[in-house]
mmCIF file of all heavy atoms, coordinates in Angstrom:
data_MODEL
# 
_entry.id   MODEL 
# 
loop_
_atom_site.group_PDB 
_atom_site.id 
_atom_site.type_symbol 
_atom_site.label_atom_id 
_atom_site.label_alt_id 
_atom_site.label_comp_id 
_atom_site.label_asym_id 
_atom_site.label_entity_id 
_atom_site.label_seq_id 
_atom_site.pdbx_PDB_ins_code 
_atom_site.Cartn_x 
_atom_site.Cartn_y 
_atom_site.Cartn_z 
_atom_site.occupancy 
_atom_site.B_iso_or_equiv 
_atom_site.pdbx_formal_charge 
_atom_site.auth_seq_id 
_atom_site.auth_comp_id 
_atom_site.auth_asym_id 
_atom_site.auth_atom_id 
_atom_site.pdbx_PDB_model_num 
ATOM 1   N N   . GLU A 1 1  ? -11.716 8.444   16.068  1.00 0.00 ? 1  GLU A N   1 
ATOM 2   C CA  . GLU A 1 1  ? -10.763 7.413   15.663  1.00 0.00 ? 1  GLU A CA  1 
ATOM 3   C C   . GLU A 1 1  ? -9.861  8.001   14.588  1.00 0.00 ? 1  GLU A C   1 
ATOM 4   O O   . GLU A 1 1  ? -10.179 9.003   13.958  1.00 0.00 ? 1  GLU A O   1 
ATOM 5   C CB  . GLU A 1 1  ? -11.467 6.156   15.145  1.00 0.00 ? 1  GLU A CB  1 
ATOM 6   C CG  . GLU A 1 1  ? -12.315 6.348   13.917  1.00 0.00 ? 1  GLU A CG  1 
ATOM 7   C CD  . GLU A 1 1  ? -12.883 5.019   13.423  1.00 0.00 ? 1  GLU A CD  1 
ATOM 8   O OE1 . GLU A 1 1  ? -12.088 4.212   12.897  1.00 0.00 ? 1  GLU A OE1 1 
ATOM 9   O OE2 . GLU A 1 1  ? -14.093 4.810   13.563  1.00 0.00 ? 1  GLU A OE2 1 
ATOM 10  N N   . ASP A 1 2  ? -8.713  7.369   14.387  1.00 0.00 ? 2  ASP A N   1 
ATOM 11  C CA  . ASP A 1 2  ? -7.716  7.906   13.466  1.00 0.00 ? 2  ASP A CA  1 
ATOM 12  C C   . ASP A 1 2  ? -8.038  7.484   12.036  1.00 0.00 ? 2  ASP A C   1 
ATOM 13  O O   . ASP A 1 2  ? -7.371  6.627   11.442  1.00 0.00 ? 2  ASP A O   1 
ATOM 14  C CB  . ASP A 1 2  ? -6.330  7.429   13.881  1.00 0.00 ? 2  ASP A CB  1 
ATOM 15  C CG  . ASP A 1 2  ? -5.930  7.973   15.240  1.00 0.00 ? 2  ASP A CG  1 
ATOM 16  O OD1 . ASP A 1 2  ? -6.276  9.120   15.531  1.00 0.00 ? 2  ASP A OD1 1 
ATOM 17  O OD2 . ASP A 1 2  ? -5.271  7.235   15.998  1.00 0.00 ? 2  ASP A OD2 1 
ATOM 18  N N   . VAL A 1 3  ? -9.070  8.113   11.475  1.00 0.00 ? 3  VAL A N   1 
ATOM 19  C CA  . VAL A 1 3  ? -9.469  7.802   10.104  1.00 0.00 ? 3  VAL A CA  1 
ATOM 20  C C   . VAL A 1 3  ? -8.338  8.118   9.140   1.00 0.00 ? 3  VAL A C   1 
ATOM 21  O O   . VAL A 1 3  ? -8.074  7.375   8.194   1.00 0.00 ? 3  VAL A O   1 
ATOM 22  C CB  . VAL A 1 3  ? -10.738 8.602   9.727   1.00 0.00 ? 3  VAL A CB  1 
ATOM 23  C CG1 . VAL A 1 3  ? -11.104 8.373   8.264   1.00 0.00 ? 3  VAL A CG1 1 
ATOM 24  C CG2 . VAL A 1 3  ? -11.887 8.222   10.633  1.00 0.00 ? 3  VAL A CG2 1 
ATOM 25  N N   . ASN A 1 4  ? -7.639  9.222   9.389   1.00 0.00 ? 4  ASN A N   1 
ATOM 26  C CA  . ASN A 1 4  ? -6.543  9.609   8.506   1.00 0.00 ? 4  ASN A CA  1 
ATOM 27  C C   . ASN A 1 4  ? -5.460  8.535   8.455   1.00 0.00 ? 4  ASN A C   1 
ATOM 28  O O   . ASN A 1 4  ? -4.959  8.187   7.390   1.00 0.00 ? 4  ASN A O   1 
ATOM 29  C CB  . ASN A 1 4  ? -5.958  10.959  8.934   1.00 0.00 ? 4  ASN A CB  1 
ATOM 30  C CG  . ASN A 1 4  ? -5.628  11.012  10.417  1.00 0.00 ? 4  ASN A CG  1 
ATOM 31  O OD1 . ASN A 1 4  ? -5.761  10.025  11.147  1.00 0.00 ? 4  ASN A OD1 1 
ATOM 32  N ND2 . ASN A 1 4  ? -5.187  12.171  10.885  1.00 0.00 ? 4  ASN A ND2 1 
ATOM 33  N N   . GLU A 1 5  ? -5.115  8.000   9.617   1.00 0.00 ? 5  GLU A N   1 
ATOM 34  C CA  . GLU A 1 5  ? -4.072  6.981   9.663   1.00 0.00 ? 5  GLU A CA  1 
ATOM 35  C C   . GLU A 1 5  ? -4.565  5.652   9.095   1.00 0.00 ? 5  GLU A C   1 
ATOM 36  O O   . GLU A 1 5  ? -3.791  4.919   8.466   1.00 0.00 ? 5  GLU A O   1 
ATOM 37  C CB  . GLU A 1 5  ? -3.584  6.811   11.096  1.00 0.00 ? 5  GLU A CB  1 
ATOM 38  C CG  . GLU A 1 5  ? -2.912  8.076   11.638  1.00 0.00 ? 5  GLU A CG  1 
ATOM 39  C CD  . GLU A 1 5  ? -2.424  7.900   13.065  1.00 0.00 ? 5  GLU A CD  1 
ATOM 40  O OE1 . GLU A 1 5  ? -1.928  6.805   13.382  1.00 0.00 ? 5  GLU A OE1 1 
ATOM 41  O OE2 . GLU A 1 5  ? -2.549  8.855   13.856  1.00 0.00 ? 5  GLU A OE2 1 
ATOM 42  N N   . ASN A 1 6  ? -5.833  5.329   9.325   1.00 0.00 ? 6  ASN A N   1 
ATOM 43  C CA  . ASN A 1 6  ? -6.384  4.099   8.750   1.00 0.00 ? 6  ASN A CA  1 
ATOM 44  C C   . ASN A 1 6  ? -6.264  4.118   7.227   1.00 0.00 ? 6  ASN A C   1 
ATOM 45  O O   . ASN A 1 6  ? -5.789  3.159   6.609   1.00 0.00 ? 6  ASN A O   1 
ATOM 46  C CB  . ASN A 1 6  ? -7.862  3.948   9.133   1.00 0.00 ? 6  ASN A CB  1 
ATOM 47  C CG  . ASN A 1 6  ? -8.059  3.724   10.616  1.00 0.00 ? 6  ASN A CG  1 
ATOM 48  O OD1 . ASN A 1 6  ? -7.125  3.358   11.329  1.00 0.00 ? 6  ASN A OD1 1 
ATOM 49  N ND2 . ASN A 1 6  ? -9.268  3.945   11.095  1.00 0.00 ? 6  ASN A ND2 1 
ATOM 50  N N   . LEU A 1 7  ? -6.675  5.223   6.636   1.00 0.00 ? 7  LEU A N   1 
ATOM 51  C CA  . LEU A 1 7  ? -6.630  5.338   5.179   1.00 0.00 ? 7  LEU A CA  1 
ATOM 52  C C   . LEU A 1 7  ? -5.192  5.393   4.668   1.00 0.00 ? 7  LEU A C   1 
ATOM 53  O O   . LEU A 1 7  ? -4.828  4.719   3.696   1.00 0.00 ? 7  LEU A O   1 
ATOM 54  C CB  . LEU A 1 7  ? -7.381  6.593   4.729   1.00 0.00 ? 7  LEU A CB  1 
ATOM 55  C CG  . LEU A 1 7  ? -8.866  6.447   4.428   1.00 0.00 ? 7  LEU A CG  1 
ATOM 56  C CD1 . LEU A 1 7  ? -9.460  7.791   4.030   1.00 0.00 ? 7  LEU A CD1 1 
ATOM 57  C CD2 . LEU A 1 7  ? -9.088  5.431   3.320   1.00 0.00 ? 7  LEU A CD2 1 
ATOM 58  N N   . GLY A 1 8  ? -4.367  6.221   5.310   1.00 0.00 ? 8  GLY A N   1 
ATOM 59  C CA  . GLY A 1 8  ? -2.989  6.370   4.862   1.00 0.00 ? 8  GLY A CA  1 
ATOM 60  C C   . GLY A 1 8  ? -2.214  5.075   4.937   1.00 0.00 ? 8  GLY A C   1 
ATOM 61  O O   . GLY A 1 8  ? -1.476  4.722   4.005   1.00 0.00 ? 8  GLY A O   1 
ATOM 62  N N   . THR A 1 9  ? -2.388  4.339   6.039   1.00 0.00 ? 9  THR A N   1 
ATOM 63  C CA  . THR A 1 9  ? -1.680  3.075   6.214   1.00 0.00 ? 9  THR A CA  1 
ATOM 64  C C   . THR A 1 9  ? -2.105  2.059   5.167   1.00 0.00 ? 9  THR A C   1 
ATOM 65  O O   . THR A 1 9  ? -1.267  1.407   4.528   1.00 0.00 ? 9  THR A O   1 
ATOM 66  C CB  . THR A 1 9  ? -1.939  2.513   7.618   1.00 0.00 ? 9  THR A CB  1 
ATOM 67  O OG1 . THR A 1 9  ? -1.469  3.437   8.590   1.00 0.00 ? 9  THR A OG1 1 
ATOM 68  C CG2 . THR A 1 9  ? -1.243  1.178   7.810   1.00 0.00 ? 9  THR A CG2 1 
ATOM 69  N N   . ALA A 1 10 ? -3.425  1.910   4.977   1.00 0.00 ? 10 ALA A N   1 
ATOM 70  C CA  . ALA A 1 10 ? -3.935  0.933   4.008   1.00 0.00 ? 10 ALA A CA  1 
ATOM 71  C C   . ALA A 1 10 ? -3.504  1.279   2.587   1.00 0.00 ? 10 ALA A C   1 
ATOM 72  O O   . ALA A 1 10 ? -3.117  0.404   1.810   1.00 0.00 ? 10 ALA A O   1 
ATOM 73  C CB  . ALA A 1 10 ? -5.459  0.866   4.100   1.00 0.00 ? 10 ALA A CB  1 
ATOM 74  N N   . ALA A 1 11 ? -3.554  2.564   2.236   1.00 0.00 ? 11 ALA A N   1 
ATOM 75  C CA  . ALA A 1 11 ? -3.200  2.981   0.881   1.00 0.00 ? 11 ALA A CA  1 
ATOM 76  C C   . ALA A 1 11 ? -1.717  2.779   0.607   1.00 0.00 ? 11 ALA A C   1 
ATOM 77  O O   . ALA A 1 11 ? -1.325  2.294   -0.465  1.00 0.00 ? 11 ALA A O   1 
ATOM 78  C CB  . ALA A 1 11 ? -3.586  4.445   0.676   1.00 0.00 ? 11 ALA A CB  1 
ATOM 79  N N   . LEU A 1 12 ? -0.877  3.140   1.575   1.00 0.00 ? 12 LEU A N   1 
ATOM 80  C CA  . LEU A 1 12 ? 0.555   2.993   1.384   1.00 0.00 ? 12 LEU A CA  1 
ATOM 81  C C   . LEU A 1 12 ? 0.946   1.519   1.311   1.00 0.00 ? 12 LEU A C   1 
ATOM 82  O O   . LEU A 1 12 ? 1.811   1.125   0.516   1.00 0.00 ? 12 LEU A O   1 
ATOM 83  C CB  . LEU A 1 12 ? 1.300   3.690   2.518   1.00 0.00 ? 12 LEU A CB  1 
ATOM 84  C CG  . LEU A 1 12 ? 2.693   4.252   2.202   1.00 0.00 ? 12 LEU A CG  1 
ATOM 85  C CD1 . LEU A 1 12 ? 2.645   5.164   0.995   1.00 0.00 ? 12 LEU A CD1 1 
ATOM 86  C CD2 . LEU A 1 12 ? 3.245   4.994   3.407   1.00 0.00 ? 12 LEU A CD2 1 
ATOM 87  N N   . ALA A 1 13 ? 0.302   0.681   2.137   1.00 0.00 ? 13 ALA A N   1 
ATOM 88  C CA  . ALA A 1 13 ? 0.573   -0.756  2.091   1.00 0.00 ? 13 ALA A CA  1 
ATOM 89  C C   . ALA A 1 13 ? 0.198   -1.325  0.722   1.00 0.00 ? 13 ALA A C   1 
ATOM 90  O O   . ALA A 1 13 ? 0.915   -2.168  0.166   1.00 0.00 ? 13 ALA A O   1 
ATOM 91  C CB  . ALA A 1 13 ? -0.210  -1.463  3.195   1.00 0.00 ? 13 ALA A CB  1 
ATOM 92  N N   . LYS A 1 14 ? -0.914  -0.840  0.149   1.00 0.00 ? 14 LYS A N   1 
ATOM 93  C CA  . LYS A 1 14 ? -1.337  -1.322  -1.174  1.00 0.00 ? 14 LYS A CA  1 
ATOM 94  C C   . LYS A 1 14 ? -0.342  -0.891  -2.249  1.00 0.00 ? 14 LYS A C   1 
ATOM 95  O O   . LYS A 1 14 ? -0.039  -1.657  -3.170  1.00 0.00 ? 14 LYS A O   1 
ATOM 96  C CB  . LYS A 1 14 ? -2.730  -0.796  -1.492  1.00 0.00 ? 14 LYS A CB  1 
ATOM 97  C CG  . LYS A 1 14 ? -3.272  -1.237  -2.837  1.00 0.00 ? 14 LYS A CG  1 
ATOM 98  C CD  . LYS A 1 14 ? -3.329  -2.757  -2.965  1.00 0.00 ? 14 LYS A CD  1 
ATOM 99  C CE  . LYS A 1 14 ? -4.339  -3.389  -2.018  1.00 0.00 ? 14 LYS A CE  1 
ATOM 100 N NZ  . LYS A 1 14 ? -4.459  -4.853  -2.261  1.00 0.00 ? 14 LYS A NZ  1 
ATOM 101 N N   . TYR A 1 15 ? 0.191   0.313   -2.127  1.00 0.00 ? 15 TYR A N   1 
ATOM 102 C CA  . TYR A 1 15 ? 1.176   0.783   -3.103  1.00 0.00 ? 15 TYR A CA  1 
ATOM 103 C C   . TYR A 1 15 ? 2.394   -0.134  -3.112  1.00 0.00 ? 15 TYR A C   1 
ATOM 104 O O   . TYR A 1 15 ? 2.853   -0.569  -4.175  1.00 0.00 ? 15 TYR A O   1 
ATOM 105 C CB  . TYR A 1 15 ? 1.616   2.217   -2.795  1.00 0.00 ? 15 TYR A CB  1 
ATOM 106 C CG  . TYR A 1 15 ? 2.854   2.628   -3.550  1.00 0.00 ? 15 TYR A CG  1 
ATOM 107 C CD1 . TYR A 1 15 ? 2.785   3.007   -4.882  1.00 0.00 ? 15 TYR A CD1 1 
ATOM 108 C CD2 . TYR A 1 15 ? 4.119   2.593   -2.940  1.00 0.00 ? 15 TYR A CD2 1 
ATOM 109 C CE1 . TYR A 1 15 ? 3.931   3.351   -5.593  1.00 0.00 ? 15 TYR A CE1 1 
ATOM 110 C CE2 . TYR A 1 15 ? 5.263   2.939   -3.643  1.00 0.00 ? 15 TYR A CE2 1 
ATOM 111 C CZ  . TYR A 1 15 ? 5.162   3.321   -4.973  1.00 0.00 ? 15 TYR A CZ  1 
ATOM 112 O OH  . TYR A 1 15 ? 6.293   3.643   -5.667  1.00 0.00 ? 15 TYR A OH  1 
ATOM 113 N N   . PHE A 1 16 ? 2.944   -0.448  -1.927  1.00 0.00 ? 16 PHE A N   1 
ATOM 114 C CA  . PHE A 1 16 ? 4.143   -1.277  -1.861  1.00 0.00 ? 16 PHE A CA  1 
ATOM 115 C C   . PHE A 1 16 ? 3.838   -2.721  -2.270  1.00 0.00 ? 16 PHE A C   1 
ATOM 116 O O   . PHE A 1 16 ? 4.699   -3.406  -2.831  1.00 0.00 ? 16 PHE A O   1 
ATOM 117 C CB  . PHE A 1 16 ? 4.744   -1.220  -0.462  1.00 0.00 ? 16 PHE A CB  1 
ATOM 118 C CG  . PHE A 1 16 ? 5.512   0.041   -0.208  1.00 0.00 ? 16 PHE A CG  1 
ATOM 119 C CD1 . PHE A 1 16 ? 5.006   1.025   0.621   1.00 0.00 ? 16 PHE A CD1 1 
ATOM 120 C CD2 . PHE A 1 16 ? 6.734   0.267   -0.820  1.00 0.00 ? 16 PHE A CD2 1 
ATOM 121 C CE1 . PHE A 1 16 ? 5.702   2.201   0.850   1.00 0.00 ? 16 PHE A CE1 1 
ATOM 122 C CE2 . PHE A 1 16 ? 7.447   1.431   -0.606  1.00 0.00 ? 16 PHE A CE2 1 
ATOM 123 C CZ  . PHE A 1 16 ? 6.919   2.406   0.229   1.00 0.00 ? 16 PHE A CZ  1 
ATOM 124 N N   . GLU A 1 17 ? 2.629   -3.183  -2.008  1.00 0.00 ? 17 GLU A N   1 
ATOM 125 C CA  . GLU A 1 17 ? 2.240   -4.526  -2.440  1.00 0.00 ? 17 GLU A CA  1 
ATOM 126 C C   . GLU A 1 17 ? 2.238   -4.617  -3.967  1.00 0.00 ? 17 GLU A C   1 
ATOM 127 O O   . GLU A 1 17 ? 2.780   -5.565  -4.542  1.00 0.00 ? 17 GLU A O   1 
ATOM 128 C CB  . GLU A 1 17 ? 0.852   -4.851  -1.890  1.00 0.00 ? 17 GLU A CB  1 
ATOM 129 C CG  . GLU A 1 17 ? 0.294   -6.196  -2.367  1.00 0.00 ? 17 GLU A CG  1 
ATOM 130 C CD  . GLU A 1 17 ? -1.161  -6.391  -1.981  1.00 0.00 ? 17 GLU A CD  1 
ATOM 131 O OE1 . GLU A 1 17 ? -1.568  -5.882  -0.909  1.00 0.00 ? 17 GLU A OE1 1 
ATOM 132 O OE2 . GLU A 1 17 ? -1.899  -7.029  -2.744  1.00 0.00 ? 17 GLU A OE2 1 
ATOM 133 N N   . LEU A 1 18 ? 1.624   -3.626  -4.616  1.00 0.00 ? 18 LEU A N   1 
ATOM 134 C CA  . LEU A 1 18 ? 1.578   -3.629  -6.078  1.00 0.00 ? 18 LEU A CA  1 
ATOM 135 C C   . LEU A 1 18 ? 2.961   -3.420  -6.675  1.00 0.00 ? 18 LEU A C   1 
ATOM 136 O O   . LEU A 1 18 ? 3.298   -3.996  -7.717  1.00 0.00 ? 18 LEU A O   1 
ATOM 137 C CB  . LEU A 1 18 ? 0.615   -2.547  -6.575  1.00 0.00 ? 18 LEU A CB  1 
ATOM 138 C CG  . LEU A 1 18 ? -0.868  -2.787  -6.297  1.00 0.00 ? 18 LEU A CG  1 
ATOM 139 C CD1 . LEU A 1 18 ? -1.692  -1.590  -6.748  1.00 0.00 ? 18 LEU A CD1 1 
ATOM 140 C CD2 . LEU A 1 18 ? -1.361  -4.054  -6.992  1.00 0.00 ? 18 LEU A CD2 1 
ATOM 141 N N   . ARG A 1 19 ? 3.768   -2.594  -6.017  1.00 0.00 ? 19 ARG A N   1 
ATOM 142 C CA  . ARG A 1 19 ? 5.120   -2.362  -6.512  1.00 0.00 ? 19 ARG A CA  1 
ATOM 143 C C   . ARG A 1 19 ? 5.928   -3.651  -6.489  1.00 0.00 ? 19 ARG A C   1 
ATOM 144 O O   . ARG A 1 19 ? 6.629   -3.989  -7.452  1.00 0.00 ? 19 ARG A O   1 
ATOM 145 C CB  . ARG A 1 19 ? 5.822   -1.290  -5.673  1.00 0.00 ? 19 ARG A CB  1 
ATOM 146 C CG  . ARG A 1 19 ? 7.190   -0.897  -6.228  1.00 0.00 ? 19 ARG A CG  1 
ATOM 147 C CD  . ARG A 1 19 ? 7.993   -0.060  -5.265  1.00 0.00 ? 19 ARG A CD  1 
ATOM 148 N NE  . ARG A 1 19 ? 8.414   -0.808  -4.092  1.00 0.00 ? 19 ARG A NE  1 
ATOM 149 C CZ  . ARG A 1 19 ? 9.382   -0.421  -3.267  1.00 0.00 ? 19 ARG A CZ  1 
ATOM 150 N NH1 . ARG A 1 19 ? 10.028  0.705   -3.491  1.00 0.00 ? 19 ARG A NH1 1 
ATOM 151 N NH2 . ARG A 1 19 ? 9.716   -1.145  -2.216  1.00 0.00 ? 19 ARG A NH2 1 
ATOM 152 N N   . GLU A 1 20 ? 5.841   -4.377  -5.393  1.00 0.00 ? 20 GLU A N   1 
ATOM 153 C CA  . GLU A 1 20 ? 6.585   -5.630  -5.272  1.00 0.00 ? 20 GLU A CA  1 
ATOM 154 C C   . GLU A 1 20 ? 6.092   -6.654  -6.291  1.00 0.00 ? 20 GLU A C   1 
ATOM 155 O O   . GLU A 1 20 ? 6.890   -7.363  -6.921  1.00 0.00 ? 20 GLU A O   1 
ATOM 156 C CB  . GLU A 1 20 ? 6.438   -6.188  -3.854  1.00 0.00 ? 20 GLU A CB  1 
ATOM 157 C CG  . GLU A 1 20 ? 7.248   -7.450  -3.620  1.00 0.00 ? 20 GLU A CG  1 
ATOM 158 C CD  . GLU A 1 20 ? 7.154   -7.926  -2.178  1.00 0.00 ? 20 GLU A CD  1 
ATOM 159 O OE1 . GLU A 1 20 ? 6.482   -7.250  -1.375  1.00 0.00 ? 20 GLU A OE1 1 
ATOM 160 O OE2 . GLU A 1 20 ? 7.736   -8.979  -1.871  1.00 0.00 ? 20 GLU A OE2 1 
ATOM 161 N N   . LYS A 1 21 ? 4.783   -6.705  -6.469  1.00 0.00 ? 21 LYS A N   1 
ATOM 162 C CA  . LYS A 1 21 ? 4.211   -7.639  -7.444  1.00 0.00 ? 21 LYS A CA  1 
ATOM 163 C C   . LYS A 1 21 ? 4.706   -7.321  -8.843  1.00 0.00 ? 21 LYS A C   1 
ATOM 164 O O   . LYS A 1 21 ? 5.095   -8.215  -9.605  1.00 0.00 ? 21 LYS A O   1 
ATOM 165 C CB  . LYS A 1 21 ? 2.685   -7.555  -7.388  1.00 0.00 ? 21 LYS A CB  1 
ATOM 166 C CG  . LYS A 1 21 ? 1.980   -8.426  -8.415  1.00 0.00 ? 21 LYS A CG  1 
ATOM 167 C CD  . LYS A 1 21 ? 0.467   -8.224  -8.342  1.00 0.00 ? 21 LYS A CD  1 
ATOM 168 C CE  . LYS A 1 21 ? -0.236  -9.032  -9.432  1.00 0.00 ? 21 LYS A CE  1 
ATOM 169 N NZ  . LYS A 1 21 ? -1.699  -8.801  -9.422  1.00 0.00 ? 21 LYS A NZ  1 
ATOM 170 N N   . ARG A 1 22 ? 4.747   -6.035  -9.188  1.00 0.00 ? 22 ARG A N   1 
ATOM 171 C CA  . ARG A 1 22 ? 5.181   -5.635  -10.522 1.00 0.00 ? 22 ARG A CA  1 
ATOM 172 C C   . ARG A 1 22 ? 6.670   -5.923  -10.711 1.00 0.00 ? 22 ARG A C   1 
ATOM 173 O O   . ARG A 1 22 ? 7.095   -6.349  -11.783 1.00 0.00 ? 22 ARG A O   1 
ATOM 174 C CB  . ARG A 1 22 ? 4.878   -4.156  -10.727 1.00 0.00 ? 22 ARG A CB  1 
ATOM 175 C CG  . ARG A 1 22 ? 5.081   -3.671  -12.150 1.00 0.00 ? 22 ARG A CG  1 
ATOM 176 C CD  . ARG A 1 22 ? 4.479   -2.293  -12.348 1.00 0.00 ? 22 ARG A CD  1 
ATOM 177 N NE  . ARG A 1 22 ? 3.029   -2.340  -12.313 1.00 0.00 ? 22 ARG A NE  1 
ATOM 178 C CZ  . ARG A 1 22 ? 2.263   -1.596  -11.523 1.00 0.00 ? 22 ARG A CZ  1 
ATOM 179 N NH1 . ARG A 1 22 ? 2.818   -0.737  -10.699 1.00 0.00 ? 22 ARG A NH1 1 
ATOM 180 N NH2 . ARG A 1 22 ? 0.957   -1.704  -11.559 1.00 0.00 ? 22 ARG A NH2 1 
ATOM 181 N N   . MET A 1 23 ? 7.468   -5.702  -9.666  1.00 0.00 ? 23 MET A N   1 
ATOM 182 C CA  . MET A 1 23 ? 8.903   -5.983  -9.750  1.00 0.00 ? 23 MET A CA  1 
ATOM 183 C C   . MET A 1 23 ? 9.142   -7.475  -9.945  1.00 0.00 ? 23 MET A C   1 
ATOM 184 O O   . MET A 1 23 ? 10.030  -7.874  -10.708 1.00 0.00 ? 23 MET A O   1 
ATOM 185 C CB  . MET A 1 23 ? 9.612   -5.480  -8.494  1.00 0.00 ? 23 MET A CB  1 
ATOM 186 C CG  . MET A 1 23 ? 9.680   -3.963  -8.388  1.00 0.00 ? 23 MET A CG  1 
ATOM 187 S SD  . MET A 1 23 ? 10.404  -3.389  -6.822  1.00 0.00 ? 23 MET A SD  1 
ATOM 188 C CE  . MET A 1 23 ? 12.060  -4.057  -6.964  1.00 0.00 ? 23 MET A CE  1 
ATOM 189 N N   . ASN A 1 24 ? 8.346   -8.307  -9.259  1.00 0.00 ? 24 ASN A N   1 
ATOM 190 C CA  . ASN A 1 24 ? 8.485   -9.757  -9.413  1.00 0.00 ? 24 ASN A CA  1 
ATOM 191 C C   . ASN A 1 24 ? 8.121   -10.192 -10.833 1.00 0.00 ? 24 ASN A C   1 
ATOM 192 O O   . ASN A 1 24 ? 8.777   -11.056 -11.424 1.00 0.00 ? 24 ASN A O   1 
ATOM 193 C CB  . ASN A 1 24 ? 7.606   -10.487 -8.403  1.00 0.00 ? 24 ASN A CB  1 
ATOM 194 C CG  . ASN A 1 24 ? 8.111   -10.330 -6.977  1.00 0.00 ? 24 ASN A CG  1 
ATOM 195 O OD1 . ASN A 1 24 ? 9.294   -10.059 -6.751  1.00 0.00 ? 24 ASN A OD1 1 
ATOM 196 N ND2 . ASN A 1 24 ? 7.227   -10.482 -6.002  1.00 0.00 ? 24 ASN A ND2 1 
ATOM 197 N N   . GLU A 1 25 ? 7.056   -9.583  -11.385 1.00 0.00 ? 25 GLU A N   1 
ATOM 198 C CA  . GLU A 1 25 ? 6.646   -9.921  -12.747 1.00 0.00 ? 25 GLU A CA  1 
ATOM 199 C C   . GLU A 1 25 ? 7.705   -9.498  -13.752 1.00 0.00 ? 25 GLU A C   1 
ATOM 200 O O   . GLU A 1 25 ? 8.019   -10.243 -14.687 1.00 0.00 ? 25 GLU A O   1 
ATOM 201 C CB  . GLU A 1 25 ? 5.310   -9.240  -13.070 1.00 0.00 ? 25 GLU A CB  1 
ATOM 202 C CG  . GLU A 1 25 ? 4.135   -9.815  -12.293 1.00 0.00 ? 25 GLU A CG  1 
ATOM 203 C CD  . GLU A 1 25 ? 2.855   -9.026  -12.520 1.00 0.00 ? 25 GLU A CD  1 
ATOM 204 O OE1 . GLU A 1 25 ? 2.938   -7.935  -13.138 1.00 0.00 ? 25 GLU A OE1 1 
ATOM 205 O OE2 . GLU A 1 25 ? 1.786   -9.497  -12.092 1.00 0.00 ? 25 GLU A OE2 1 
ATOM 206 N N   . GLU A 1 26 ? 8.268   -8.310  -13.547 1.00 0.00 ? 26 GLU A N   1 
ATOM 207 C CA  . GLU A 1 26 ? 9.321   -7.844  -14.455 1.00 0.00 ? 26 GLU A CA  1 
ATOM 208 C C   . GLU A 1 26 ? 10.563  -8.719  -14.340 1.00 0.00 ? 26 GLU A C   1 
ATOM 209 O O   . GLU A 1 26 ? 11.221  -9.021  -15.335 1.00 0.00 ? 26 GLU A O   1 
ATOM 210 C CB  . GLU A 1 26 ? 9.660   -6.385  -14.147 1.00 0.00 ? 26 GLU A CB  1 
ATOM 211 C CG  . GLU A 1 26 ? 8.542   -5.413  -14.494 1.00 0.00 ? 26 GLU A CG  1 
ATOM 212 C CD  . GLU A 1 26 ? 8.848   -4.001  -14.036 1.00 0.00 ? 26 GLU A CD  1 
ATOM 213 O OE1 . GLU A 1 26 ? 9.881   -3.814  -13.354 1.00 0.00 ? 26 GLU A OE1 1 
ATOM 214 O OE2 . GLU A 1 26 ? 8.059   -3.094  -14.354 1.00 0.00 ? 26 GLU A OE2 1 
# 
């Protein structure tokens, strides 16, 4: 199974989620 893509996708999605949250707070 594509473990590399599972991890990469989840991690990148979390980065953009936190970025958007921080931008909204700012």
